[in-house]
Amino acid sequence: MGSPLLLLADEPTSALDAERSEAIVQLLAEVTREFGTATLMITHDLEQLALTQGSWRMVDGRLEE
C-alpha cells in the first residue's frame, strides 16, 4: 500500500453483516491512526457514522455537514 496520505473506501461493508461491518470500520480507523492517513469512506449505512470522527451527506450533488 505504500504510504498514502488518503485512503478511499467506497462502500467497504456493503455486503457484510452488522458485526463484520463494525469490525471493518474499526480496522479502517486503526489503520488511519497507525499510519497517519486520512480515510474517506462512502457508505449508505448510517449506523456506521457513530464510529467516525466526522460525516458529510450528499444531497442533490452537494455536500452537507
Protein backbone atom coordinates (compact mmCIF):
# COMPACT_ATOMS: atom_id res chain seq x y z
CA MET A 1 0.00 0.00 0.00
CA GLY A 2 2.96 2.35 0.42
CA SER A 3 2.40 5.49 2.46
CA PRO A 4 -0.70 7.19 1.09
CA LEU A 5 -1.96 10.46 2.52
CA LEU A 6 -5.55 9.45 1.79
CA LEU A 7 -7.29 6.07 1.82
CA LEU A 8 -10.51 5.90 -0.20
CA ALA A 9 -13.04 3.24 0.86
CA ASP A 10 -16.15 3.11 -1.31
CA GLU A 11 -18.84 1.02 0.42
CA PRO A 12 -16.30 -1.31 2.10
CA THR A 13 -19.02 -3.06 4.11
CA SER A 14 -21.88 -3.19 1.60
CA ALA A 15 -22.26 -7.00 1.55
CA LEU A 16 -21.38 -7.71 5.18
CA ASP A 17 -23.45 -8.35 8.29
CA ALA A 18 -23.51 -5.78 11.11
CA GLU A 19 -20.79 -7.48 13.18
CA ARG A 20 -18.34 -7.74 10.26
CA SER A 21 -19.17 -4.21 9.12
CA GLU A 22 -18.28 -2.79 12.52
CA ALA A 23 -15.02 -4.76 12.57
CA ILE A 24 -14.04 -3.39 9.13
CA VAL A 25 -14.83 0.21 10.10
CA GLN A 26 -12.82 -0.18 13.31
CA LEU A 27 -9.92 -1.66 11.32
CA LEU A 28 -10.01 1.31 8.95
CA ALA A 29 -9.91 3.66 11.96
CA GLU A 30 -6.92 1.79 13.42
CA VAL A 31 -5.03 1.91 10.12
CA THR A 32 -5.82 5.62 9.82
CA ARG A 33 -4.36 6.32 13.27
CA GLU A 34 -1.38 3.98 12.94
CA PHE A 35 -0.18 5.31 9.59
CA GLY A 36 -1.30 8.94 9.99
CA THR A 37 -3.54 8.60 6.96
CA ALA A 38 -6.86 10.27 6.32
CA THR A 39 -9.67 7.88 5.33
CA LEU A 40 -12.65 8.84 3.24
CA MET A 41 -15.36 6.19 3.49
CA ILE A 42 -18.52 6.25 1.41
CA THR A 43 -21.46 4.39 2.96
CA HIS A 44 -25.23 4.20 2.94
CA ASP A 45 -25.22 2.57 6.40
CA LEU A 46 -25.96 5.41 8.82
CA GLU A 47 -25.20 3.21 11.85
CA GLN A 48 -21.51 3.39 10.92
CA LEU A 49 -21.48 7.15 11.47
CA ALA A 50 -21.17 6.60 15.22
CA LEU A 51 -17.73 5.08 14.58
CA THR A 52 -16.37 8.06 12.62
CA GLN A 53 -14.82 11.40 13.53
CA GLY A 54 -17.00 13.34 11.15
CA SER A 55 -19.51 12.92 8.40
CA TRP A 56 -20.98 14.71 5.43
CA ARG A 57 -24.08 13.92 3.45
CA MET A 58 -24.53 14.32 -0.27
CA VAL A 59 -27.91 15.77 -1.23
CA ASP A 60 -28.66 16.57 -4.85
CA GLY A 61 -24.95 16.54 -5.70
CA ARG A 62 -23.94 18.89 -2.85
CA LEU A 63 -22.10 18.06 0.36
CA GLU A 64 -23.76 18.95 3.66
CA GLU A 65 -22.21 18.61 7.10
